[in-house]
Amino acid sequence: MIEDFASRVLREVARLDPCAAVVEVGEQEVDGLTDYSPDGHQARADLAVRALRELETLHGALPAASPLHAHLA
């Protein structure tokens, strides 16, 4: 459950910030460059807000706080 969430969020982060995907994770196949315009920054901020909200709902479904949950939070 949390692993699926983490994979999905990482794919979305890589889509919104291909430059970080290359530098941080060594991703080789990216499309385009990171949008550093105000719209691009807003899209990444919106993703962070959505991910944190969803992470909090997952937290209640987990038997105990996992290290992955703590890292993502």
C-alpha atoms as a PDB file:
ATOM      1  CA  MET A   1       0.000   0.000   0.000  1.00  0.00           C
ATOM      2  CA  ILE A   2       2.565   2.627   1.082  1.00  0.00           C
ATOM      3  CA  GLU A   3       5.047   1.283  -1.472  1.00  0.00           C
ATOM      4  CA  ASP A   4       2.522   1.860  -4.266  1.00  0.00           C
ATOM      5  CA  PHE A   5       1.925   5.387  -2.991  1.00  0.00           C
ATOM      6  CA  ALA A   6       5.685   6.092  -2.880  1.00  0.00           C
ATOM      7  CA  SER A   7       6.198   4.773  -6.416  1.00  0.00           C
ATOM      8  CA  ARG A   8       3.335   6.860  -7.748  1.00  0.00           C
ATOM      9  CA  VAL A   9       4.558  10.033  -6.038  1.00  0.00           C
ATOM     10  CA  LEU A  10       8.111   9.487  -7.267  1.00  0.00           C
ATOM     11  CA  ARG A  11       6.872   9.049 -10.840  1.00  0.00           C
ATOM     12  CA  GLU A  12       4.899  12.282 -10.541  1.00  0.00           C
ATOM     13  CA  VAL A  13       7.889  14.135  -9.047  1.00  0.00           C
ATOM     14  CA  ALA A  14      10.054  12.883 -11.911  1.00  0.00           C
ATOM     15  CA  ARG A  15       7.445  14.058 -14.427  1.00  0.00           C
ATOM     16  CA  LEU A  16       7.307  17.542 -12.884  1.00  0.00           C
ATOM     17  CA  ASP A  17      11.045  17.797 -12.207  1.00  0.00           C
ATOM     18  CA  PRO A  18      13.003  15.768 -14.774  1.00  0.00           C
ATOM     19  CA  CYS A  19      16.269  17.507 -13.844  1.00  0.00           C
ATOM     20  CA  ALA A  20      15.986  16.271 -10.238  1.00  0.00           C
ATOM     21  CA  ALA A  21      15.108  12.797 -11.505  1.00  0.00           C
ATOM     22  CA  VAL A  22      18.393  12.678 -13.385  1.00  0.00           C
ATOM     23  CA  VAL A  23      20.510  14.145 -10.574  1.00  0.00           C
ATOM     24  CA  GLU A  24      18.858  12.561  -7.529  1.00  0.00           C
ATOM     25  CA  VAL A  25      18.004   9.093  -8.798  1.00  0.00           C
ATOM     26  CA  GLY A  26      20.060   8.711 -11.941  1.00  0.00           C
ATOM     27  CA  GLU A  27      17.007   8.394 -14.164  1.00  0.00           C
ATOM     28  CA  GLN A  28      18.155   8.013 -17.750  1.00  0.00           C
ATOM     29  CA  GLU A  29      14.989   8.440 -19.780  1.00  0.00           C
ATOM     30  CA  VAL A  30      13.333  11.783 -19.104  1.00  0.00           C
ATOM     31  CA  ASP A  31      11.238  13.995 -21.307  1.00  0.00           C
ATOM     32  CA  GLY A  32      12.151  17.652 -21.348  1.00  0.00           C
ATOM     33  CA  LEU A  33      13.476  19.925 -18.667  1.00  0.00           C
ATOM     34  CA  THR A  34      12.106  21.110 -15.361  1.00  0.00           C
ATOM     35  CA  ASP A  35       9.684  24.020 -15.594  1.00  0.00           C
ATOM     36  CA  TYR A  36      11.098  26.679 -13.261  1.00  0.00           C
ATOM     37  CA  SER A  37       8.378  29.189 -14.082  1.00  0.00           C
ATOM     38  CA  PRO A  38       5.870  30.181 -11.394  1.00  0.00           C
ATOM     39  CA  ASP A  39       3.461  27.598 -12.842  1.00  0.00           C
ATOM     40  CA  GLY A  40       6.074  24.864 -12.555  1.00  0.00           C
ATOM     41  CA  HIS A  41       6.865  25.781  -8.954  1.00  0.00           C
ATOM     42  CA  GLN A  42       3.142  25.814  -8.170  1.00  0.00           C
ATOM     43  CA  ALA A  43       2.646  22.388  -9.743  1.00  0.00           C
ATOM     44  CA  ARG A  44       5.411  20.917  -7.549  1.00  0.00           C
ATOM     45  CA  ALA A  45       4.001  22.634  -4.457  1.00  0.00           C
ATOM     46  CA  ASP A  46       0.515  21.324  -5.256  1.00  0.00           C
ATOM     47  CA  LEU A  47       1.904  17.806  -5.608  1.00  0.00           C
ATOM     48  CA  ALA A  48       3.586  18.084  -2.201  1.00  0.00           C
ATOM     49  CA  VAL A  49       0.329  19.193  -0.567  1.00  0.00           C
ATOM     50  CA  ARG A  50      -1.675  16.401  -2.230  1.00  0.00           C
ATOM     51  CA  ALA A  51       0.937  13.796  -1.340  1.00  0.00           C
ATOM     52  CA  LEU A  52       1.070  14.845   2.315  1.00  0.00           C
ATOM     53  CA  ARG A  53      -2.723  14.739   2.576  1.00  0.00           C
ATOM     54  CA  GLU A  54      -2.853  11.294   1.032  1.00  0.00           C
ATOM     55  CA  LEU A  55       0.027  10.117   3.210  1.00  0.00           C
ATOM     56  CA  GLU A  56      -1.907  11.131   6.294  1.00  0.00           C
ATOM     57  CA  THR A  57      -4.909   9.068   5.183  1.00  0.00           C
ATOM     58  CA  LEU A  58      -2.612   6.095   4.585  1.00  0.00           C
ATOM     59  CA  HIS A  59      -1.087   6.518   8.025  1.00  0.00           C
ATOM     60  CA  GLY A  60      -4.399   5.567   9.627  1.00  0.00           C
ATOM     61  CA  ALA A  61      -4.565   2.416   7.502  1.00  0.00           C
ATOM     62  CA  LEU A  62      -1.082   1.220   8.437  1.00  0.00           C
ATOM     63  CA  PRO A  63      -0.652  -1.145  11.396  1.00  0.00           C
ATOM     64  CA  ALA A  64       2.251   0.957  12.688  1.00  0.00           C
ATOM     65  CA  ALA A  65       4.270   3.896  11.440  1.00  0.00           C
ATOM     66  CA  SER A  66       6.682   2.413   8.942  1.00  0.00           C
ATOM     67  CA  PRO A  67      10.140   3.791   8.205  1.00  0.00           C
ATOM     68  CA  LEU A  68       8.967   4.558   4.652  1.00  0.00           C
ATOM     69  CA  HIS A  69       6.014   6.563   5.988  1.00  0.00           C
ATOM     70  CA  ALA A  70       8.338   8.522   8.283  1.00  0.00           C
ATOM     71  CA  HIS A  71      10.761   9.195   5.435  1.00  0.00           C
ATOM     72  CA  LEU A  72       8.036  10.395   3.081  1.00  0.00           C
ATOM     73  CA  ALA A  73       6.493  12.634   5.731  1.00  0.00           C
END
